[in-house]
C-alpha atoms as a PDB file:
ATOM      1  CA  MET A   1     -14.423   9.657  14.388  1.00  0.00           C
ATOM      2  CA  SER A   2     -11.274   8.940  12.395  1.00  0.00           C
ATOM      3  CA  THR A   3      -9.989   7.933   9.055  1.00  0.00           C
ATOM      4  CA  LEU A   4      -7.710   5.009   9.122  1.00  0.00           C
ATOM      5  CA  PHE A   5      -4.744   4.254   6.736  1.00  0.00           C
ATOM      6  CA  ILE A   6      -2.724   0.929   6.774  1.00  0.00           C
ATOM      7  CA  SER A   7      -0.466  -0.739   4.207  1.00  0.00           C
ATOM      8  CA  ASP A   8       2.155  -3.642   3.506  1.00  0.00           C
ATOM      9  CA  LEU A   9       0.018  -6.374   4.850  1.00  0.00           C
ATOM     10  CA  HIS A  10       1.406  -8.642   2.400  1.00  0.00           C
ATOM     11  CA  LEU A  11      -1.262 -11.229   2.858  1.00  0.00           C
ATOM     12  CA  SER A  12      -0.941 -14.808   1.863  1.00  0.00           C
ATOM     13  CA  GLY A  13      -1.615 -18.491   3.022  1.00  0.00           C
ATOM     14  CA  GLU A  14       1.790 -18.547   4.561  1.00  0.00           C
ATOM     15  CA  ARG A  15       0.867 -15.957   7.205  1.00  0.00           C
ATOM     16  CA  GLU A  16      -2.690 -16.806   8.423  1.00  0.00           C
ATOM     17  CA  ALA A  17      -2.437 -14.779  11.361  1.00  0.00           C
ATOM     18  CA  ILE A  18      -2.106 -11.688   9.617  1.00  0.00           C
ATOM     19  CA  THR A  19      -5.138 -12.312   7.711  1.00  0.00           C
ATOM     20  CA  GLU A  20      -7.007 -13.145  10.612  1.00  0.00           C
ATOM     21  CA  LEU A  21      -5.819  -9.904  12.282  1.00  0.00           C
ATOM     22  CA  PHE A  22      -6.889  -8.081   9.245  1.00  0.00           C
ATOM     23  CA  ILE A  23     -10.371  -9.709   9.169  1.00  0.00           C
ATOM     24  CA  ARG A  24     -10.792  -8.425  13.072  1.00  0.00           C
ATOM     25  CA  PHE A  25      -9.558  -4.963  12.147  1.00  0.00           C
ATOM     26  CA  LEU A  26     -12.193  -4.985   9.523  1.00  0.00           C
ATOM     27  CA  GLN A  27     -15.109  -6.262  11.525  1.00  0.00           C
ATOM     28  CA  GLN A  28     -14.402  -4.165  14.841  1.00  0.00           C
ATOM     29  CA  ARG A  29     -11.715  -1.171  14.482  1.00  0.00           C
ATOM     30  CA  ALA A  30     -12.618  -0.074  10.717  1.00  0.00           C
ATOM     31  CA  SER A  31     -16.469  -0.462  10.991  1.00  0.00           C
ATOM     32  CA  ALA A  32     -16.460   2.557  13.347  1.00  0.00           C
ATOM     33  CA  ALA A  33     -14.253   4.792  11.310  1.00  0.00           C
ATOM     34  CA  ASP A  34     -14.994   7.545   8.737  1.00  0.00           C
ATOM     35  CA  ALA A  35     -13.276   5.723   6.000  1.00  0.00           C
ATOM     36  CA  LEU A  36     -10.377   3.263   5.333  1.00  0.00           C
ATOM     37  CA  TYR A  37      -7.373   3.531   3.040  1.00  0.00           C
ATOM     38  CA  ILE A  38      -4.873   0.908   2.212  1.00  0.00           C
ATOM     39  CA  LEU A  39      -2.108   2.278   0.362  1.00  0.00           C
ATOM     40  CA  GLY A  40      -0.266  -1.115  -1.540  1.00  0.00           C
ATOM     41  CA  ASP A  41       0.923  -4.280  -0.907  1.00  0.00           C
ATOM     42  CA  LEU A  42      -2.324  -5.581   0.522  1.00  0.00           C
ATOM     43  CA  PHE A  43      -1.208  -8.987  -0.882  1.00  0.00           C
ATOM     44  CA  GLU A  44       1.892 -10.441  -1.422  1.00  0.00           C
ATOM     45  CA  VAL A  45       1.211 -11.497  -4.858  1.00  0.00           C
ATOM     46  CA  TRP A  46      -1.392 -10.880  -7.569  1.00  0.00           C
ATOM     47  CA  PRO A  47      -0.999 -12.430 -10.839  1.00  0.00           C
ATOM     48  CA  GLY A  48      -4.507 -10.875 -12.185  1.00  0.00           C
ATOM     49  CA  ASP A  49      -8.100 -10.456 -11.334  1.00  0.00           C
ATOM     50  CA  ASP A  50      -8.777 -13.656 -13.170  1.00  0.00           C
ATOM     51  CA  MET A  51      -6.569 -15.504 -10.509  1.00  0.00           C
ATOM     52  CA  ILE A  52      -7.796 -14.507  -7.097  1.00  0.00           C
ATOM     53  CA  GLN A  53      -5.947 -16.758  -4.557  1.00  0.00           C
ATOM     54  CA  PRO A  54      -8.162 -19.260  -2.493  1.00  0.00           C
ATOM     55  CA  ASP A  55      -5.946 -17.706   0.569  1.00  0.00           C
ATOM     56  CA  TYR A  56      -7.361 -13.999  -0.006  1.00  0.00           C
ATOM     57  CA  GLU A  57     -11.234 -15.035  -0.515  1.00  0.00           C
ATOM     58  CA  SER A  58     -11.921 -14.407   3.707  1.00  0.00           C
ATOM     59  CA  SER A  59     -10.266 -11.083   3.550  1.00  0.00           C
ATOM     60  CA  ILE A  60     -12.143  -9.986   0.280  1.00  0.00           C
ATOM     61  CA  ALA A  61     -15.220 -10.783   1.592  1.00  0.00           C
ATOM     62  CA  ALA A  62     -14.535  -9.064   4.863  1.00  0.00           C
ATOM     63  CA  MET A  63     -13.726  -5.939   2.760  1.00  0.00           C
ATOM     64  CA  LYS A  64     -16.918  -6.313   0.905  1.00  0.00           C
ATOM     65  CA  GLN A  65     -19.008  -6.315   4.107  1.00  0.00           C
ATOM     66  CA  LEU A  66     -17.234  -3.263   5.513  1.00  0.00           C
ATOM     67  CA  ALA A  67     -17.751  -1.417   2.355  1.00  0.00           C
ATOM     68  CA  ASP A  68     -21.288  -2.666   2.105  1.00  0.00           C
ATOM     69  CA  SER A  69     -22.202  -1.596   5.372  1.00  0.00           C
ATOM     70  CA  GLY A  70     -21.327   2.058   4.628  1.00  0.00           C
ATOM     71  CA  ILE A  71     -17.632   2.511   5.479  1.00  0.00           C
ATOM     72  CA  PRO A  72     -15.594   4.223   2.166  1.00  0.00           C
ATOM     73  CA  LEU A  73     -12.939   1.686   1.394  1.00  0.00           C
ATOM     74  CA  TYR A  74     -10.236   2.845  -0.822  1.00  0.00           C
ATOM     75  CA  VAL A  75      -7.240   0.610  -2.073  1.00  0.00           C
ATOM     76  CA  MET A  76      -4.155   1.846  -3.676  1.00  0.00           C
ATOM     77  CA  PRO A  77      -1.882  -1.085  -5.592  1.00  0.00           C
ATOM     78  CA  GLY A  78       1.563  -1.496  -4.437  1.00  0.00           C
ATOM     79  CA  ASN A  79       4.445  -3.016  -6.155  1.00  0.00           C
ATOM     80  CA  ARG A  80       3.276  -6.411  -5.137  1.00  0.00           C
ATOM     81  CA  ASP A  81      -0.183  -6.250  -6.280  1.00  0.00           C
ATOM     82  CA  PHE A  82      -0.117  -3.534  -9.056  1.00  0.00           C
ATOM     83  CA  LEU A  83      -2.027  -5.696 -11.373  1.00  0.00           C
ATOM     84  CA  MET A  84      -5.432  -5.216  -9.279  1.00  0.00           C
ATOM     85  CA  GLY A  85      -8.125  -3.992 -11.382  1.00  0.00           C
ATOM     86  CA  GLU A  86     -11.803  -3.587 -11.619  1.00  0.00           C
ATOM     87  CA  THR A  87     -12.805  -7.064 -11.183  1.00  0.00           C
ATOM     88  CA  PHE A  88     -10.978  -6.886  -7.824  1.00  0.00           C
ATOM     89  CA  ALA A  89     -12.587  -3.712  -7.063  1.00  0.00           C
ATOM     90  CA  GLU A  90     -16.072  -4.989  -7.851  1.00  0.00           C
ATOM     91  CA  VAL A  91     -15.627  -8.097  -5.679  1.00  0.00           C
ATOM     92  CA  SER A  92     -14.140  -6.202  -3.008  1.00  0.00           C
ATOM     93  CA  ALA A  93     -16.587  -3.051  -3.167  1.00  0.00           C
ATOM     94  CA  ALA A  94     -13.552  -1.096  -2.668  1.00  0.00           C
ATOM     95  CA  THR A  95     -12.544   2.045  -4.860  1.00  0.00           C
ATOM     96  CA  LEU A  96      -9.236   1.872  -6.436  1.00  0.00           C
ATOM     97  CA  LEU A  97      -6.668   4.869  -6.318  1.00  0.00           C
ATOM     98  CA  GLN A  98      -4.235   5.991  -8.457  1.00  0.00           C
ATOM     99  CA  ASP A  99      -0.879   6.380  -7.099  1.00  0.00           C
ATOM    100  CA  PRO A 100      -0.273   9.240  -6.293  1.00  0.00           C
ATOM    101  CA  THR A 101      -3.475  10.455  -4.924  1.00  0.00           C
ATOM    102  CA  VAL A 102      -4.425  13.835  -3.358  1.00  0.00           C
ATOM    103  CA  ILE A 103      -7.331  13.781  -0.838  1.00  0.00           C
ATOM    104  CA  ASP A 104      -8.718  16.551   1.570  1.00  0.00           C
ATOM    105  CA  LEU A 105      -8.119  14.932   4.944  1.00  0.00           C
ATOM    106  CA  TYR A 106     -10.246  17.060   7.521  1.00  0.00           C
ATOM    107  CA  GLY A 107      -9.442  20.204   5.886  1.00  0.00           C
ATOM    108  CA  THR A 108      -5.906  19.414   4.997  1.00  0.00           C
ATOM    109  CA  PRO A 109      -4.721  18.349   1.257  1.00  0.00           C
ATOM    110  CA  THR A 110      -2.759  15.053   1.918  1.00  0.00           C
ATOM    111  CA  LEU A 111      -0.894  13.205  -0.583  1.00  0.00           C
ATOM    112  CA  LEU A 112      -1.260   9.435  -0.652  1.00  0.00           C
ATOM    113  CA  MET A 113       1.239   7.189  -2.225  1.00  0.00           C
ATOM    114  CA  HIS A 114       2.567   3.681  -1.906  1.00  0.00           C
ATOM    115  CA  GLY A 115       5.998   5.275  -1.532  1.00  0.00           C
ATOM    116  CA  ASP A 116       8.206   2.962  -4.088  1.00  0.00           C
ATOM    117  CA  THR A 117       8.624   5.522  -6.435  1.00  0.00           C
ATOM    118  CA  LEU A 118      10.287   7.606  -3.765  1.00  0.00           C
ATOM    119  CA  CYS A 119      13.133   5.228  -3.189  1.00  0.00           C
ATOM    120  CA  THR A 120      15.110   6.668  -6.316  1.00  0.00           C
ATOM    121  CA  ASP A 121      18.413   5.404  -4.794  1.00  0.00           C
ATOM    122  CA  ASP A 122      17.551   1.884  -5.693  1.00  0.00           C
ATOM    123  CA  VAL A 123      18.297   2.077  -9.276  1.00  0.00           C
ATOM    124  CA  ARG A 124      17.775  -1.713 -10.403  1.00  0.00           C
ATOM    125  CA  TYR A 125      14.171  -1.610  -8.631  1.00  0.00           C
ATOM    126  CA  GLN A 126      13.047   1.495 -10.538  1.00  0.00           C
ATOM    127  CA  GLU A 127      14.350  -0.028 -13.732  1.00  0.00           C
ATOM    128  CA  PHE A 128      12.296  -3.417 -12.909  1.00  0.00           C
ATOM    129  CA  ARG A 129       9.251  -1.439 -11.793  1.00  0.00           C
ATOM    130  CA  SER A 130       9.439   0.622 -15.279  1.00  0.00           C
ATOM    131  CA  MET A 131       9.236  -2.494 -17.053  1.00  0.00           C
ATOM    132  CA  VAL A 132       6.837  -4.283 -15.448  1.00  0.00           C
ATOM    133  CA  ARG A 133       4.184  -1.227 -15.401  1.00  0.00           C
ATOM    134  CA  SER A 134       4.779  -0.798 -19.452  1.00  0.00           C
ATOM    135  CA  ASP A 135       1.903  -2.013 -21.647  1.00  0.00           C
ATOM    136  CA  LYS A 136       4.088  -4.307 -23.442  1.00  0.00           C
ATOM    137  CA  TRP A 137       5.289  -6.337 -20.453  1.00  0.00           C
ATOM    138  CA  LYS A 138       1.578  -6.519 -19.386  1.00  0.00           C
ATOM    139  CA  ASN A 139       0.375  -7.783 -22.605  1.00  0.00           C
ATOM    140  CA  MET A 140       2.932 -10.298 -22.542  1.00  0.00           C
ATOM    141  CA  PHE A 141       2.006 -11.369 -19.084  1.00  0.00           C
ATOM    142  CA  PHE A 142      -1.388 -11.613 -19.625  1.00  0.00           C
ATOM    143  CA  SER A 143      -0.903 -13.617 -22.632  1.00  0.00           C
ATOM    144  CA  LEU A 144       0.597 -16.399 -20.579  1.00  0.00           C
ATOM    145  CA  PRO A 145      -1.145 -19.504 -19.116  1.00  0.00           C
ATOM    146  CA  LYS A 146      -2.192 -18.950 -15.474  1.00  0.00           C
ATOM    147  CA  GLU A 147       0.363 -21.432 -14.391  1.00  0.00           C
ATOM    148  CA  GLU A 148       3.220 -19.573 -15.824  1.00  0.00           C
ATOM    149  CA  ARG A 149       1.881 -16.187 -14.521  1.00  0.00           C
ATOM    150  CA  LEU A 150       1.612 -17.433 -10.980  1.00  0.00           C
ATOM    151  CA  ALA A 151       5.153 -19.109 -11.341  1.00  0.00           C
ATOM    152  CA  MET A 152       6.727 -15.768 -12.797  1.00  0.00           C
ATOM    153  CA  THR A 153       5.276 -13.782  -9.678  1.00  0.00           C
ATOM    154  CA  THR A 154       6.262 -16.459  -7.314  1.00  0.00           C
ATOM    155  CA  LYS A 155      10.035 -15.905  -8.944  1.00  0.00           C
ATOM    156  CA  TYR A 156      10.143 -12.323  -8.890  1.00  0.00           C
ATOM    157  CA  ARG A 157       9.285 -12.202  -5.452  1.00  0.00           C
ATOM    158  CA  LYS A 158      11.813 -14.647  -4.379  1.00  0.00           C
ATOM    159  CA  VAL A 159      14.294 -12.777  -6.294  1.00  0.00           C
ATOM    160  CA  SER A 160      13.089  -9.640  -4.981  1.00  0.00           C
ATOM    161  CA  LYS A 161      13.793 -11.140  -1.147  1.00  0.00           C
ATOM    162  CA  GLU A 162      17.215 -12.163  -2.188  1.00  0.00           C
ATOM    163  CA  GLU A 163      18.102  -8.845  -3.695  1.00  0.00           C
ATOM    164  CA  THR A 164      16.668  -7.091  -0.729  1.00  0.00           C
ATOM    165  CA  ALA A 165      18.819  -9.034   1.753  1.00  0.00           C
ATOM    166  CA  LYS A 166      21.966  -7.781   0.099  1.00  0.00           C
ATOM    167  CA  LYS A 167      20.815  -4.252  -0.349  1.00  0.00           C
ATOM    168  CA  ALA A 168      22.083  -1.501   2.221  1.00  0.00           C
ATOM    169  CA  MET A 169      19.027  -0.062   4.223  1.00  0.00           C
ATOM    170  CA  GLU A 170      19.744   3.401   2.908  1.00  0.00           C
ATOM    171  CA  ILE A 171      18.977   2.275  -0.826  1.00  0.00           C
ATOM    172  CA  MET A 172      15.670   1.069   0.085  1.00  0.00           C
ATOM    173  CA  ASP A 173      14.806   3.899   2.055  1.00  0.00           C
ATOM    174  CA  VAL A 174      13.180   7.223   0.425  1.00  0.00           C
ATOM    175  CA  ASN A 175      15.242   9.797  -1.105  1.00  0.00           C
ATOM    176  CA  GLN A 176      14.491  13.032   0.579  1.00  0.00           C
ATOM    177  CA  GLN A 177      15.081  15.092  -2.531  1.00  0.00           C
ATOM    178  CA  ALA A 178      12.498  12.918  -4.200  1.00  0.00           C
ATOM    179  CA  VAL A 179      10.165  13.473  -1.385  1.00  0.00           C
ATOM    180  CA  GLU A 180      10.706  17.219  -1.393  1.00  0.00           C
ATOM    181  CA  ASP A 181       9.960  17.406  -5.194  1.00  0.00           C
ATOM    182  CA  THR A 182       7.013  15.136  -5.029  1.00  0.00           C
ATOM    183  CA  MET A 183       5.406  17.232  -2.293  1.00  0.00           C
ATOM    184  CA  ARG A 184       6.250  20.710  -3.926  1.00  0.00           C
ATOM    185  CA  ALA A 185       4.786  19.228  -7.242  1.00  0.00           C
ATOM    186  CA  HIS A 186       1.561  18.943  -5.438  1.00  0.00           C
ATOM    187  CA  ASN A 187       1.756  21.752  -3.362  1.00  0.00           C
ATOM    188  CA  ILE A 188       0.825  19.788  -0.119  1.00  0.00           C
ATOM    189  CA  THR A 189       2.372  19.809   3.480  1.00  0.00           C
ATOM    190  CA  ARG A 190       1.435  16.175   4.145  1.00  0.00           C
ATOM    191  CA  LEU A 191       2.566  13.097   2.781  1.00  0.00           C
ATOM    192  CA  ILE A 192       1.491   9.570   3.815  1.00  0.00           C
ATOM    193  CA  HIS A 193       2.923   6.372   2.219  1.00  0.00           C
ATOM    194  CA  GLY A 194       3.949   2.813   3.095  1.00  0.00           C
ATOM    195  CA  HIS A 195       6.573   0.582   1.182  1.00  0.00           C
ATOM    196  CA  THR A 196       9.596   1.271   3.311  1.00  0.00           C
ATOM    197  CA  HIS A 197       8.498  -0.808   6.603  1.00  0.00           C
ATOM    198  CA  ARG A 198       9.501   2.244   8.521  1.00  0.00           C
ATOM    199  CA  PRO A 199       6.639   3.601  10.749  1.00  0.00           C
ATOM    200  CA  ALA A 200       7.542   7.215  11.684  1.00  0.00           C
ATOM    201  CA  ILE A 201       6.262  11.040  11.522  1.00  0.00           C
ATOM    202  CA  HIS A 202       8.841  12.971   9.997  1.00  0.00           C
ATOM    203  CA  GLU A 203       8.513  16.825  10.246  1.00  0.00           C
ATOM    204  CA  PHE A 204      10.783  19.149   8.511  1.00  0.00           C
ATOM    205  CA  MET A 205      10.747  22.574   6.910  1.00  0.00           C
ATOM    206  CA  LEU A 206      10.051  22.792   2.968  1.00  0.00           C
ATOM    207  CA  ASP A 207       9.990  26.210   1.121  1.00  0.00           C
ATOM    208  CA  ASN A 208       9.837  28.069   4.606  1.00  0.00           C
ATOM    209  CA  GLN A 209       6.896  25.906   5.682  1.00  0.00           C
ATOM    210  CA  PRO A 210       6.555  23.046   8.195  1.00  0.00           C
ATOM    211  CA  VAL A 211       5.658  19.777   6.409  1.00  0.00           C
ATOM    212  CA  LYS A 212       5.255  16.062   7.655  1.00  0.00           C
ATOM    213  CA  ARG A 213       5.885  12.736   5.901  1.00  0.00           C
ATOM    214  CA  ILE A 214       4.031   9.969   7.513  1.00  0.00           C
ATOM    215  CA  VAL A 215       5.176   6.282   7.070  1.00  0.00           C
ATOM    216  CA  LEU A 216       2.901   3.345   7.611  1.00  0.00           C
ATOM    217  CA  GLY A 217       4.582   0.296   8.832  1.00  0.00           C
ATOM    218  CA  ASP A 218       4.012  -3.394   7.932  1.00  0.00           C
ATOM    219  CA  TRP A 219       2.003  -6.161   9.243  1.00  0.00           C
ATOM    220  CA  TYR A 220       4.430  -8.857   9.977  1.00  0.00           C
ATOM    221  CA  GLU A 221       5.069  -7.682  13.360  1.00  0.00           C
ATOM    222  CA  GLN A 222       3.934  -4.332  13.631  1.00  0.00           C
ATOM    223  CA  GLY A 223       0.281  -4.192  12.874  1.00  0.00           C
ATOM    224  CA  SER A 224       0.932  -0.475  11.837  1.00  0.00           C
ATOM    225  CA  VAL A 225      -2.288   1.683  11.688  1.00  0.00           C
ATOM    226  CA  LEU A 226      -2.263   5.296  10.954  1.00  0.00           C
ATOM    227  CA  VAL A 227      -5.366   7.204  12.957  1.00  0.00           C
ATOM    228  CA  CYS A 228      -6.235  10.659  11.794  1.00  0.00           C
ATOM    229  CA  ASN A 229      -9.023  13.073  12.902  1.00  0.00           C
ATOM    230  CA  LYS A 230      -9.563  16.618  13.143  1.00  0.00           C
ATOM    231  CA  THR A 231      -6.755  17.131  15.608  1.00  0.00           C
ATOM    232  CA  GLY A 232      -4.017  15.241  13.536  1.00  0.00           C
ATOM    233  CA  CYS A 233      -2.635  11.901  13.072  1.00  0.00           C
ATOM    234  CA  GLN A 234      -1.050   9.128  15.396  1.00  0.00           C
ATOM    235  CA  LEU A 235       0.439   5.882  14.462  1.00  0.00           C
ATOM    236  CA  GLU A 236      -0.512   2.878  16.533  1.00  0.00           C
ATOM    237  CA  ASN A 237       0.656  -0.725  16.576  1.00  0.00           C
ATOM    238  CA  LEU A 238      -2.366  -3.516  16.693  1.00  0.00           C
ATOM    239  CA  ASN A 239       0.062  -5.924  18.060  1.00  0.00           C
ATOM    240  CA  ARG A 240       1.112  -4.044  21.538  1.00  0.00           C
END
């Protein structure tokens, strides 16, 4: 048995093939796992629990089917879907996780994050993130008509893509000092996160002990899955 980790699926009606792959993954691979963790950006946009998009309904139904079968299902909101709340948790039967969260993964304390807070070199993004996570902004946003909320999230997505295309790749990656400070603060030797879409297992020394930072890939082309068991963790690509 194993525990599975995925992130950055960015499900939307524009990418039906990824939705179909996700549903097959839930019905086949995840149904035989000890647990499934989704570490952010499951959906491309999420304007609120009262506005679940029709394109998401089949995925959410498959998630509920998995959880109802007895497989623990955990979802951590990401930067695209950070407005997911208790209604989403109820309809999907998933347990929402705070970012960050430490779990016991086969005897090893492991820190789970979406990963965007580690990208401290991207100052403009961090400023934007602070703004939209504030209670003031959320109160303003949820006071808007549903059509305006959807239009706003769509606009943010477009602007984000345009700005991302202009930024240096190094700026959008994690900052090593931020990684080390975070791992040190949580007293862990293993970190799993997504967000950067750069799947890899990074091994380095921290305070004279070996540690690992495992990065999950996206599902645009990679179909990235991290498989962990008592012997360790291995990245796999569903599209190969």
